Amino acid sequence: MKEFICKLCPRNCGALRGATGSGYCGMGANPRIARAAPHYDEEPVISGTRGSGAVFFSGCSLQCCFCQNYALSHEGWGAEVSVERLREIYFELIGQGVHNINLVNPTHFALAIRKSLSEPLPVPVVWNSGGYEKVETLRAMESKVQVYLPDLKYIESDSAGRYSGAADYFDYAAPALREMLRQTGPVVLDEDGIIVRGTIIRHLILPGRAEESVRILDFIKEELPGAWVSLMAQYLPFGDAAGVDELGRRLTQEEYDRVADHLMDIGLEDGFIQELSSSDEKYIPKFDLTGVLPRKEN
């Protein structure tokens, strides 16, 4: 990738990204990846029986203090690859039988990803992001992405600013999710129950923020008809969460029940509810460059 002035994400930092990067995400022009392998712990309609071809990108425009992929998002751990190698990785995963190509935290590499998808893939492409997006960046991905899997982390500016350094998070996430839904329309499954098109919105319940979660669910119900919801309870105090409000602890049963019950009460029936017992480190992949570097010929 040639160097460019970056305004891909809402930070609008205008950094020059070439061999290295000086912007908020800290990344250069070429993608940096920590793992590319079949992944079985996504929602059932994404992982299916053969796994989702998850490509984990390094760097991030959010820097959440509780990020479970801290080494990637905050420390930029991974290996740089070319656009050509990125496309090879897609086909190596497809050769392993995955249901889709799952781009995890892709936003800051949107230009390289768009180039890597210049020709359609034989499986759906999933854009798995934190929800902090610019509509312009998403529109450039139209027809290249079939499934959007965004977070909707916050609706309140104080929590967004305190936990992710992005007080304007909802100002960008709300129109971004509308754009995603406009592109995909309602969820469509194939004959095996695997998603081929649609938008699934994830929301992770945070300790001490159950009432904010309730407001988020109300927003989805009222403003994003046709989107599915994945309510997540797997919060663990990773990264720099210790000492930040109540983020140094796990969810309580009372907090979980408050949010899960509200989801059912307002009739958000399409989607998934993760059990509280799912908060376990075993769901975090090993970031060991699996599938990233070209295989050596004997």
C-alpha atoms as a PDB file:
ATOM      1  CA  MET A   1       0.000   0.000   0.000  1.00  0.00           C
ATOM      2  CA  LYS A   2       1.154   3.530  -0.801  1.00  0.00           C
ATOM      3  CA  GLU A   3       1.317   6.038   2.018  1.00  0.00           C
ATOM      4  CA  PHE A   4      -1.770   8.147   2.612  1.00  0.00           C
ATOM      5  CA  ILE A   5      -3.228  10.791   4.920  1.00  0.00           C
ATOM      6  CA  CYS A   6      -5.710   8.926   7.082  1.00  0.00           C
ATOM      7  CA  LYS A   7      -9.215  10.059   7.953  1.00  0.00           C
ATOM      8  CA  LEU A   8     -10.808   6.603   7.913  1.00  0.00           C
ATOM      9  CA  CYS A   9     -12.196   6.637  11.460  1.00  0.00           C
ATOM     10  CA  PRO A  10     -13.936   9.277  13.596  1.00  0.00           C
ATOM     11  CA  ARG A  11     -10.620  10.337  15.157  1.00  0.00           C
ATOM     12  CA  ASN A  12      -9.879  12.207  11.899  1.00  0.00           C
ATOM     13  CA  CYS A  13      -6.260  12.456  13.007  1.00  0.00           C
ATOM     14  CA  GLY A  14      -4.938  13.087   9.497  1.00  0.00           C
ATOM     15  CA  ALA A  15      -1.848  11.000  10.147  1.00  0.00           C
ATOM     16  CA  LEU A  16       0.558  10.054   7.388  1.00  0.00           C
ATOM     17  CA  ARG A  17       0.438   6.282   7.149  1.00  0.00           C
ATOM     18  CA  GLY A  18       3.184   4.582   5.172  1.00  0.00           C
ATOM     19  CA  ALA A  19       5.815   2.129   6.354  1.00  0.00           C
ATOM     20  CA  THR A  20       4.840   3.224   9.866  1.00  0.00           C
ATOM     21  CA  GLY A  21       2.006   5.232  11.310  1.00  0.00           C
ATOM     22  CA  SER A  22       1.842   8.159  13.717  1.00  0.00           C
ATOM     23  CA  GLY A  23      -1.930   8.313  14.090  1.00  0.00           C
ATOM     24  CA  TYR A  24      -4.226   7.283  16.888  1.00  0.00           C
ATOM     25  CA  CYS A  25      -4.234   3.604  15.863  1.00  0.00           C
ATOM     26  CA  GLY A  26      -0.448   3.589  15.457  1.00  0.00           C
ATOM     27  CA  MET A  27      -0.600   1.522  12.276  1.00  0.00           C
ATOM     28  CA  GLY A  28       1.096   1.924   8.905  1.00  0.00           C
ATOM     29  CA  ALA A  29      -0.559   1.550   5.515  1.00  0.00           C
ATOM     30  CA  ASN A  30      -0.228  -2.237   5.220  1.00  0.00           C
ATOM     31  CA  PRO A  31      -2.404  -4.486   7.404  1.00  0.00           C
ATOM     32  CA  ARG A  32      -0.907  -5.882  10.597  1.00  0.00           C
ATOM     33  CA  ILE A  33      -2.425  -9.206  11.678  1.00  0.00           C
ATOM     34  CA  ALA A  34      -2.034 -11.358  14.809  1.00  0.00           C
ATOM     35  CA  ARG A  35      -4.017 -14.458  13.804  1.00  0.00           C
ATOM     36  CA  ALA A  36      -5.958 -15.893  10.859  1.00  0.00           C
ATOM     37  CA  ALA A  37      -7.738 -19.174  11.605  1.00  0.00           C
ATOM     38  CA  PRO A  38     -11.129 -20.870  11.841  1.00  0.00           C
ATOM     39  CA  HIS A  39     -12.932 -19.483  14.887  1.00  0.00           C
ATOM     40  CA  TYR A  40     -15.763 -21.322  16.613  1.00  0.00           C
ATOM     41  CA  ASP A  41     -16.847 -18.916  19.367  1.00  0.00           C
ATOM     42  CA  GLU A  42     -18.826 -16.369  17.368  1.00  0.00           C
ATOM     43  CA  GLU A  43     -22.615 -16.413  17.204  1.00  0.00           C
ATOM     44  CA  PRO A  44     -23.928 -19.789  15.924  1.00  0.00           C
ATOM     45  CA  VAL A  45     -25.082 -18.317  12.599  1.00  0.00           C
ATOM     46  CA  ILE A  46     -21.525 -17.090  11.987  1.00  0.00           C
ATOM     47  CA  SER A  47     -19.369 -19.930  13.359  1.00  0.00           C
ATOM     48  CA  GLY A  48     -21.674 -22.730  12.264  1.00  0.00           C
ATOM     49  CA  THR A  49     -20.054 -26.164  12.267  1.00  0.00           C
ATOM     50  CA  ARG A  50     -16.958 -25.346  10.194  1.00  0.00           C
ATOM     51  CA  GLY A  51     -15.933 -22.124  11.885  1.00  0.00           C
ATOM     52  CA  SER A  52     -15.640 -18.509  10.827  1.00  0.00           C
ATOM     53  CA  GLY A  53     -12.456 -17.475   9.027  1.00  0.00           C
ATOM     54  CA  ALA A  54     -11.356 -14.883  11.574  1.00  0.00           C
ATOM     55  CA  VAL A  55      -8.612 -12.434  10.617  1.00  0.00           C
ATOM     56  CA  PHE A  56      -7.547 -10.457  13.718  1.00  0.00           C
ATOM     57  CA  PHE A  57      -6.124  -7.021  12.868  1.00  0.00           C
ATOM     58  CA  SER A  58      -3.762  -5.110  15.159  1.00  0.00           C
ATOM     59  CA  GLY A  59      -4.230  -1.529  16.324  1.00  0.00           C
ATOM     60  CA  CYS A  60      -7.540   0.153  17.134  1.00  0.00           C
ATOM     61  CA  SER A  61      -9.276   3.510  17.000  1.00  0.00           C
ATOM     62  CA  LEU A  62     -10.991   2.996  20.373  1.00  0.00           C
ATOM     63  CA  GLN A  63      -8.400   1.765  22.904  1.00  0.00           C
ATOM     64  CA  CYS A  64     -11.002   0.504  25.398  1.00  0.00           C
ATOM     65  CA  CYS A  65      -9.461   0.197  28.852  1.00  0.00           C
ATOM     66  CA  PHE A  66     -11.009  -3.264  29.313  1.00  0.00           C
ATOM     67  CA  CYS A  67     -10.080  -4.734  25.914  1.00  0.00           C
ATOM     68  CA  GLN A  68      -9.605  -8.509  25.988  1.00  0.00           C
ATOM     69  CA  ASN A  69      -7.298  -8.267  22.962  1.00  0.00           C
ATOM     70  CA  TYR A  70      -5.055  -5.710  24.678  1.00  0.00           C
ATOM     71  CA  ALA A  71      -1.798  -6.842  23.044  1.00  0.00           C
ATOM     72  CA  LEU A  72      -3.343  -6.184  19.623  1.00  0.00           C
ATOM     73  CA  SER A  73      -5.387  -3.045  20.223  1.00  0.00           C
ATOM     74  CA  HIS A  74      -3.035  -1.169  22.558  1.00  0.00           C
ATOM     75  CA  GLU A  75       0.387  -2.628  21.821  1.00  0.00           C
ATOM     76  CA  GLY A  76      -0.010  -3.288  18.086  1.00  0.00           C
ATOM     77  CA  TRP A  77       1.287  -6.836  18.281  1.00  0.00           C
ATOM     78  CA  GLY A  78       1.211  -8.755  14.998  1.00  0.00           C
ATOM     79  CA  ALA A  79       2.951  -9.086  11.641  1.00  0.00           C
ATOM     80  CA  GLU A  80       2.628  -6.787   8.654  1.00  0.00           C
ATOM     81  CA  VAL A  81       1.321  -8.311   5.440  1.00  0.00           C
ATOM     82  CA  SER A  82       0.767  -7.006   1.919  1.00  0.00           C
ATOM     83  CA  VAL A  83      -2.649  -6.642   0.329  1.00  0.00           C
ATOM     84  CA  GLU A  84      -1.783  -9.607  -1.888  1.00  0.00           C
ATOM     85  CA  ARG A  85      -0.915 -11.735   1.146  1.00  0.00           C
ATOM     86  CA  LEU A  86      -4.147 -10.685   2.838  1.00  0.00           C
ATOM     87  CA  ARG A  87      -6.152 -12.019  -0.094  1.00  0.00           C
ATOM     88  CA  GLU A  88      -4.110 -15.246  -0.025  1.00  0.00           C
ATOM     89  CA  ILE A  89      -5.063 -15.613   3.637  1.00  0.00           C
ATOM     90  CA  TYR A  90      -8.753 -15.404   2.726  1.00  0.00           C
ATOM     91  CA  PHE A  91      -8.406 -18.279   0.285  1.00  0.00           C
ATOM     92  CA  GLU A  92      -6.312 -20.374   2.669  1.00  0.00           C
ATOM     93  CA  LEU A  93      -9.126 -20.053   5.214  1.00  0.00           C
ATOM     94  CA  ILE A  94     -11.763 -20.801   2.587  1.00  0.00           C
ATOM     95  CA  GLY A  95      -9.740 -23.900   1.702  1.00  0.00           C
ATOM     96  CA  GLN A  96     -10.141 -25.015   5.322  1.00  0.00           C
ATOM     97  CA  GLY A  97     -13.921 -24.940   4.862  1.00  0.00           C
ATOM     98  CA  VAL A  98     -14.901 -21.818   6.832  1.00  0.00           C
ATOM     99  CA  HIS A  99     -18.385 -20.396   6.353  1.00  0.00           C
ATOM    100  CA  ASN A 100     -17.210 -16.803   5.909  1.00  0.00           C
ATOM    101  CA  ILE A 101     -14.272 -14.422   6.148  1.00  0.00           C
ATOM    102  CA  ASN A 102     -14.522 -12.541   9.441  1.00  0.00           C
ATOM    103  CA  LEU A 103     -12.561  -9.266   9.515  1.00  0.00           C
ATOM    104  CA  VAL A 104     -12.038  -8.518  13.218  1.00  0.00           C
ATOM    105  CA  ASN A 105     -11.421  -4.831  14.025  1.00  0.00           C
ATOM    106  CA  PRO A 106     -10.916  -3.818  10.381  1.00  0.00           C
ATOM    107  CA  THR A 107     -11.832  -0.124  10.245  1.00  0.00           C
ATOM    108  CA  HIS A 108      -8.372   1.455  10.256  1.00  0.00           C
ATOM    109  CA  PHE A 109      -7.288  -0.883   7.430  1.00  0.00           C
ATOM    110  CA  ALA A 110     -10.350  -0.202   5.275  1.00  0.00           C
ATOM    111  CA  LEU A 111      -8.351   0.945   2.243  1.00  0.00           C
ATOM    112  CA  ALA A 112      -6.201  -2.191   2.157  1.00  0.00           C
ATOM    113  CA  ILE A 113      -9.195  -4.424   2.821  1.00  0.00           C
ATOM    114  CA  ARG A 114     -11.206  -2.801   0.053  1.00  0.00           C
ATOM    115  CA  LYS A 115      -8.332  -3.444  -2.340  1.00  0.00           C
ATOM    116  CA  SER A 116      -8.067  -7.060  -1.142  1.00  0.00           C
ATOM    117  CA  LEU A 117     -11.753  -7.506  -1.987  1.00  0.00           C
ATOM    118  CA  SER A 118     -11.515  -6.047  -5.490  1.00  0.00           C
ATOM    119  CA  GLU A 119     -12.863  -9.377  -6.729  1.00  0.00           C
ATOM    120  CA  PRO A 120     -15.717 -11.056  -4.796  1.00  0.00           C
ATOM    121  CA  LEU A 121     -15.017 -14.010  -2.528  1.00  0.00           C
ATOM    122  CA  PRO A 122     -17.000 -17.258  -2.760  1.00  0.00           C
ATOM    123  CA  VAL A 123     -18.151 -16.848   0.878  1.00  0.00           C
ATOM    124  CA  PRO A 124     -19.702 -13.893   2.755  1.00  0.00           C
ATOM    125  CA  VAL A 125     -17.453 -11.222   4.255  1.00  0.00           C
ATOM    126  CA  VAL A 126     -18.161 -10.209   7.870  1.00  0.00           C
ATOM    127  CA  TRP A 127     -17.157  -6.713   9.072  1.00  0.00           C
ATOM    128  CA  ASN A 128     -16.630  -7.270  12.811  1.00  0.00           C
ATOM    129  CA  SER A 129     -16.029  -3.870  14.378  1.00  0.00           C
ATOM    130  CA  GLY A 130     -16.346  -1.757  17.505  1.00  0.00           C
ATOM    131  CA  GLY A 131     -19.086   0.352  15.928  1.00  0.00           C
ATOM    132  CA  TYR A 132     -17.027   3.563  16.009  1.00  0.00           C
ATOM    133  CA  GLU A 133     -17.187   4.233  12.280  1.00  0.00           C
ATOM    134  CA  LYS A 134     -17.579   6.962   9.698  1.00  0.00           C
ATOM    135  CA  VAL A 135     -20.470   6.493   7.285  1.00  0.00           C
ATOM    136  CA  GLU A 136     -18.182   7.489   4.407  1.00  0.00           C
ATOM    137  CA  THR A 137     -15.796   4.625   5.183  1.00  0.00           C
ATOM    138  CA  LEU A 138     -18.655   2.141   5.355  1.00  0.00           C
ATOM    139  CA  ARG A 139     -20.141   3.309   2.063  1.00  0.00           C
ATOM    140  CA  ALA A 140     -16.835   2.527   0.374  1.00  0.00           C
ATOM    141  CA  MET A 141     -17.290  -1.096   1.527  1.00  0.00           C
ATOM    142  CA  GLU A 142     -20.793  -1.476   0.078  1.00  0.00           C
ATOM    143  CA  SER A 143     -21.211  -4.684  -1.967  1.00  0.00           C
ATOM    144  CA  LYS A 144     -17.871  -5.950  -0.641  1.00  0.00           C
ATOM    145  CA  VAL A 145     -19.256  -6.734   2.824  1.00  0.00           C
ATOM    146  CA  GLN A 146     -22.332  -8.921   3.212  1.00  0.00           C
ATOM    147  CA  VAL A 147     -22.576  -9.141   7.007  1.00  0.00           C
ATOM    148  CA  TYR A 148     -21.986  -6.409   9.577  1.00  0.00           C
ATOM    149  CA  LEU A 149     -21.214  -7.456  13.152  1.00  0.00           C
ATOM    150  CA  PRO A 150     -20.706  -4.187  15.051  1.00  0.00           C
ATOM    151  CA  ASP A 151     -20.632  -3.465  18.747  1.00  0.00           C
ATOM    152  CA  LEU A 152     -22.903  -0.843  20.216  1.00  0.00           C
ATOM    153  CA  LYS A 153     -20.870  -0.221  23.340  1.00  0.00           C
ATOM    154  CA  TYR A 154     -22.279   3.017  24.748  1.00  0.00           C
ATOM    155  CA  ILE A 155     -25.101   5.467  24.451  1.00  0.00           C
ATOM    156  CA  GLU A 156     -23.818   7.886  27.097  1.00  0.00           C
ATOM    157  CA  SER A 157     -20.871  10.181  26.403  1.00  0.00           C
ATOM    158  CA  ASP A 158     -19.431   9.966  29.916  1.00  0.00           C
ATOM    159  CA  SER A 159     -18.922   6.198  29.810  1.00  0.00           C
ATOM    160  CA  ALA A 160     -17.681   6.317  26.202  1.00  0.00           C
ATOM    161  CA  GLY A 161     -15.168   8.995  27.077  1.00  0.00           C
ATOM    162  CA  ARG A 162     -14.034   7.429  30.323  1.00  0.00           C
ATOM    163  CA  TYR A 163     -13.675   3.839  29.094  1.00  0.00           C
ATOM    164  CA  SER A 164     -12.723   4.287  25.414  1.00  0.00           C
ATOM    165  CA  GLY A 165     -11.529   7.885  25.112  1.00  0.00           C
ATOM    166  CA  ALA A 166     -14.343   8.562  22.655  1.00  0.00           C
ATOM    167  CA  ALA A 167     -17.036  10.762  24.175  1.00  0.00           C
ATOM    168  CA  ASP A 168     -18.529  11.107  20.678  1.00  0.00           C
ATOM    169  CA  TYR A 169     -18.886   7.315  20.300  1.00  0.00           C
ATOM    170  CA  PHE A 170     -22.683   7.213  19.997  1.00  0.00           C
ATOM    171  CA  ASP A 171     -22.738  10.268  17.716  1.00  0.00           C
ATOM    172  CA  TYR A 172     -20.855   8.162  15.164  1.00  0.00           C
ATOM    173  CA  ALA A 173     -22.110   4.676  16.038  1.00  0.00           C
ATOM    174  CA  ALA A 174     -25.801   5.478  15.599  1.00  0.00           C
ATOM    175  CA  PRO A 175     -25.556   6.651  11.954  1.00  0.00           C
ATOM    176  CA  ALA A 176     -22.943   3.965  11.240  1.00  0.00           C
ATOM    177  CA  LEU A 177     -25.306   1.195  12.328  1.00  0.00           C
ATOM    178  CA  ARG A 178     -28.097   2.697  10.264  1.00  0.00           C
ATOM    179  CA  GLU A 179     -25.785   2.649   7.252  1.00  0.00           C
ATOM    180  CA  MET A 180     -24.828  -0.976   7.871  1.00  0.00           C
ATOM    181  CA  LEU A 181     -28.476  -1.973   8.052  1.00  0.00           C
ATOM    182  CA  ARG A 182     -29.268   0.015   4.907  1.00  0.00           C
ATOM    183  CA  GLN A 183     -26.591  -1.904   3.031  1.00  0.00           C
ATOM    184  CA  THR A 184     -27.559  -5.384   4.206  1.00  0.00           C
ATOM    185  CA  GLY A 185     -31.274  -5.276   4.893  1.00  0.00           C
ATOM    186  CA  PRO A 186     -32.729  -7.852   7.320  1.00  0.00           C
ATOM    187  CA  VAL A 187     -30.814 -10.987   8.252  1.00  0.00           C
ATOM    188  CA  VAL A 188     -30.892 -13.775   5.656  1.00  0.00           C
ATOM    189  CA  LEU A 189     -29.794 -17.344   6.505  1.00  0.00           C
ATOM    190  CA  ASP A 190     -28.961 -20.170   4.124  1.00  0.00           C
ATOM    191  CA  GLU A 191     -30.490 -23.647   4.232  1.00  0.00           C
ATOM    192  CA  ASP A 192     -27.996 -24.652   6.946  1.00  0.00           C
ATOM    193  CA  GLY A 193     -28.848 -21.704   9.182  1.00  0.00           C
ATOM    194  CA  ILE A 194     -25.671 -19.750   8.392  1.00  0.00           C
ATOM    195  CA  ILE A 195     -25.906 -16.016   7.802  1.00  0.00           C
ATOM    196  CA  VAL A 196     -25.343 -14.849   4.239  1.00  0.00           C
ATOM    197  CA  ARG A 197     -26.468 -11.244   4.664  1.00  0.00           C
ATOM    198  CA  GLY A 198     -27.569  -8.939   7.443  1.00  0.00           C
ATOM    199  CA  THR A 199     -26.551  -6.932  10.510  1.00  0.00           C
ATOM    200  CA  ILE A 200     -26.112  -8.360  14.003  1.00  0.00           C
ATOM    201  CA  ILE A 201     -25.469  -5.793  16.739  1.00  0.00           C
ATOM    202  CA  ARG A 202     -23.435  -6.917  19.719  1.00  0.00           C
ATOM    203  CA  HIS A 203     -23.726  -5.316  23.123  1.00  0.00           C
ATOM    204  CA  LEU A 204     -21.470  -6.250  26.024  1.00  0.00           C
ATOM    205  CA  ILE A 205     -23.015  -5.584  29.436  1.00  0.00           C
ATOM    206  CA  LEU A 206     -20.507  -3.722  31.613  1.00  0.00           C
ATOM    207  CA  PRO A 207     -20.391  -3.839  35.427  1.00  0.00           C
ATOM    208  CA  GLY A 208     -22.239  -0.895  36.926  1.00  0.00           C
ATOM    209  CA  ARG A 209     -23.798   0.096  33.571  1.00  0.00           C
ATOM    210  CA  ALA A 210     -26.949  -2.043  33.423  1.00  0.00           C
ATOM    211  CA  GLU A 211     -29.217   0.958  32.986  1.00  0.00           C
ATOM    212  CA  GLU A 212     -27.145   2.170  30.052  1.00  0.00           C
ATOM    213  CA  SER A 213     -27.517  -1.290  28.514  1.00  0.00           C
ATOM    214  CA  VAL A 214     -31.287  -0.991  28.880  1.00  0.00           C
ATOM    215  CA  ARG A 215     -31.218   2.322  27.004  1.00  0.00           C
ATOM    216  CA  ILE A 216     -29.108   0.770  24.256  1.00  0.00           C
ATOM    217  CA  LEU A 217     -31.586  -2.061  23.779  1.00  0.00           C
ATOM    218  CA  ASP A 218     -34.435   0.456  23.596  1.00  0.00           C
ATOM    219  CA  PHE A 219     -32.555   2.358  20.875  1.00  0.00           C
ATOM    220  CA  ILE A 220     -32.019  -0.796  18.820  1.00  0.00           C
ATOM    221  CA  LYS A 221     -35.668  -1.751  19.151  1.00  0.00           C
ATOM    222  CA  GLU A 222     -36.931   1.680  18.123  1.00  0.00           C
ATOM    223  CA  GLU A 223     -34.362   2.752  15.537  1.00  0.00           C
ATOM    224  CA  LEU A 224     -32.857  -0.356  13.911  1.00  0.00           C
ATOM    225  CA  PRO A 225     -35.683  -2.678  12.844  1.00  0.00           C
ATOM    226  CA  GLY A 226     -34.408  -5.750  11.028  1.00  0.00           C
ATOM    227  CA  ALA A 227     -31.121  -5.947  12.917  1.00  0.00           C
ATOM    228  CA  TRP A 228     -30.495  -8.914  15.186  1.00  0.00           C
ATOM    229  CA  VAL A 229     -29.088  -8.446  18.675  1.00  0.00           C
ATOM    230  CA  SER A 230     -26.345 -10.419  20.398  1.00  0.00           C
ATOM    231  CA  LEU A 231     -26.408  -9.647  24.126  1.00  0.00           C
ATOM    232  CA  MET A 232     -23.022 -10.530  25.588  1.00  0.00           C
ATOM    233  CA  ALA A 233     -22.203 -11.289  29.219  1.00  0.00           C
ATOM    234  CA  GLN A 234     -18.589 -12.420  28.858  1.00  0.00           C
ATOM    235  CA  TYR A 235     -17.047  -9.341  30.480  1.00  0.00           C
ATOM    236  CA  LEU A 236     -13.781  -9.905  32.326  1.00  0.00           C
ATOM    237  CA  PRO A 237     -11.566  -7.124  33.772  1.00  0.00           C
ATOM    238  CA  PHE A 238      -8.760  -7.141  31.217  1.00  0.00           C
ATOM    239  CA  GLY A 239      -6.276  -4.448  30.225  1.00  0.00           C
ATOM    240  CA  ASP A 240      -6.354  -1.309  32.361  1.00  0.00           C
ATOM    241  CA  ALA A 241      -9.833  -1.890  33.804  1.00  0.00           C
ATOM    242  CA  ALA A 242      -8.701  -2.308  37.412  1.00  0.00           C
ATOM    243  CA  GLY A 243      -9.552   0.787  39.427  1.00  0.00           C
ATOM    244  CA  VAL A 244     -11.827   2.316  36.777  1.00  0.00           C
ATOM    245  CA  ASP A 245     -15.303   2.697  38.290  1.00  0.00           C
ATOM    246  CA  GLU A 246     -16.705  -0.834  38.716  1.00  0.00           C
ATOM    247  CA  LEU A 247     -14.845  -2.343  35.765  1.00  0.00           C
ATOM    248  CA  GLY A 248     -12.450  -4.245  38.022  1.00  0.00           C
ATOM    249  CA  ARG A 249     -15.109  -6.859  38.770  1.00  0.00           C
ATOM    250  CA  ARG A 250     -17.371  -9.248  36.865  1.00  0.00           C
ATOM    251  CA  LEU A 251     -21.071  -8.767  36.253  1.00  0.00           C
ATOM    252  CA  THR A 252     -23.464  -9.633  39.032  1.00  0.00           C
ATOM    253  CA  GLN A 253     -26.445 -11.895  38.467  1.00  0.00           C
ATOM    254  CA  GLU A 254     -28.728  -8.962  39.257  1.00  0.00           C
ATOM    255  CA  GLU A 255     -27.124  -6.804  36.548  1.00  0.00           C
ATOM    256  CA  TYR A 256     -27.322  -9.584  34.002  1.00  0.00           C
ATOM    257  CA  ASP A 257     -30.971 -10.359  34.798  1.00  0.00           C
ATOM    258  CA  ARG A 258     -31.939  -6.676  34.600  1.00  0.00           C
ATOM    259  CA  VAL A 259     -30.661  -6.382  31.024  1.00  0.00           C
ATOM    260  CA  ALA A 260     -31.603  -9.845  29.749  1.00  0.00           C
ATOM    261  CA  ASP A 261     -35.138  -9.520  31.127  1.00  0.00           C
ATOM    262  CA  HIS A 262     -35.548  -6.123  29.498  1.00  0.00           C
ATOM    263  CA  LEU A 263     -34.483  -7.502  26.124  1.00  0.00           C
ATOM    264  CA  MET A 264     -37.251 -10.079  26.353  1.00  0.00           C
ATOM    265  CA  ASP A 265     -39.781  -7.572  27.704  1.00  0.00           C
ATOM    266  CA  ILE A 266     -39.413  -5.253  24.697  1.00  0.00           C
ATOM    267  CA  GLY A 267     -39.600  -8.124  22.222  1.00  0.00           C
ATOM    268  CA  LEU A 268     -36.092  -8.202  20.762  1.00  0.00           C
ATOM    269  CA  GLU A 269     -36.533 -11.836  19.840  1.00  0.00           C
ATOM    270  CA  ASP A 270     -34.151 -12.183  16.895  1.00  0.00           C
ATOM    271  CA  GLY A 271     -30.623 -12.855  18.045  1.00  0.00           C
ATOM    272  CA  PHE A 272     -28.755 -14.361  20.943  1.00  0.00           C
ATOM    273  CA  ILE A 273     -28.407 -14.026  24.711  1.00  0.00           C
ATOM    274  CA  GLN A 274     -25.111 -15.183  26.155  1.00  0.00           C
ATOM    275  CA  GLU A 275     -25.244 -16.920  29.524  1.00  0.00           C
ATOM    276  CA  LEU A 276     -23.536 -15.190  32.435  1.00  0.00           C
ATOM    277  CA  SER A 277     -21.352 -18.255  32.923  1.00  0.00           C
ATOM    278  CA  SER A 278     -19.710 -17.534  29.540  1.00  0.00           C
ATOM    279  CA  SER A 279     -17.188 -15.128  31.088  1.00  0.00           C
ATOM    280  CA  ASP A 280     -14.136 -17.320  30.693  1.00  0.00           C
ATOM    281  CA  GLU A 281     -10.661 -16.649  29.283  1.00  0.00           C
ATOM    282  CA  LYS A 282     -10.864 -19.809  27.181  1.00  0.00           C
ATOM    283  CA  TYR A 283     -12.882 -17.853  24.603  1.00  0.00           C
ATOM    284  CA  ILE A 284      -9.893 -15.628  23.822  1.00  0.00           C
ATOM    285  CA  PRO A 285      -7.842 -16.976  20.889  1.00  0.00           C
ATOM    286  CA  LYS A 286      -4.090 -17.408  21.006  1.00  0.00           C
ATOM    287  CA  PHE A 287      -2.497 -14.546  19.130  1.00  0.00           C
ATOM    288  CA  ASP A 288       0.533 -16.420  17.848  1.00  0.00           C
ATOM    289  CA  LEU A 289       0.569 -15.463  14.133  1.00  0.00           C
ATOM    290  CA  THR A 290      -1.282 -18.642  13.200  1.00  0.00           C
ATOM    291  CA  GLY A 291      -2.176 -18.428   9.501  1.00  0.00           C
ATOM    292  CA  VAL A 292      -0.530 -15.025   9.007  1.00  0.00           C
ATOM    293  CA  LEU A 293       2.833 -15.718   7.394  1.00  0.00           C
ATOM    294  CA  PRO A 294       3.215 -17.607   4.086  1.00  0.00           C
ATOM    295  CA  ARG A 295       3.879 -21.301   4.430  1.00  0.00           C
ATOM    296  CA  LYS A 296       7.465 -22.299   3.757  1.00  0.00           C
ATOM    297  CA  GLU A 297       7.994 -24.640   0.830  1.00  0.00           C
ATOM    298  CA  ASN A 298       9.913 -27.856   1.549  1.00  0.00           C
END
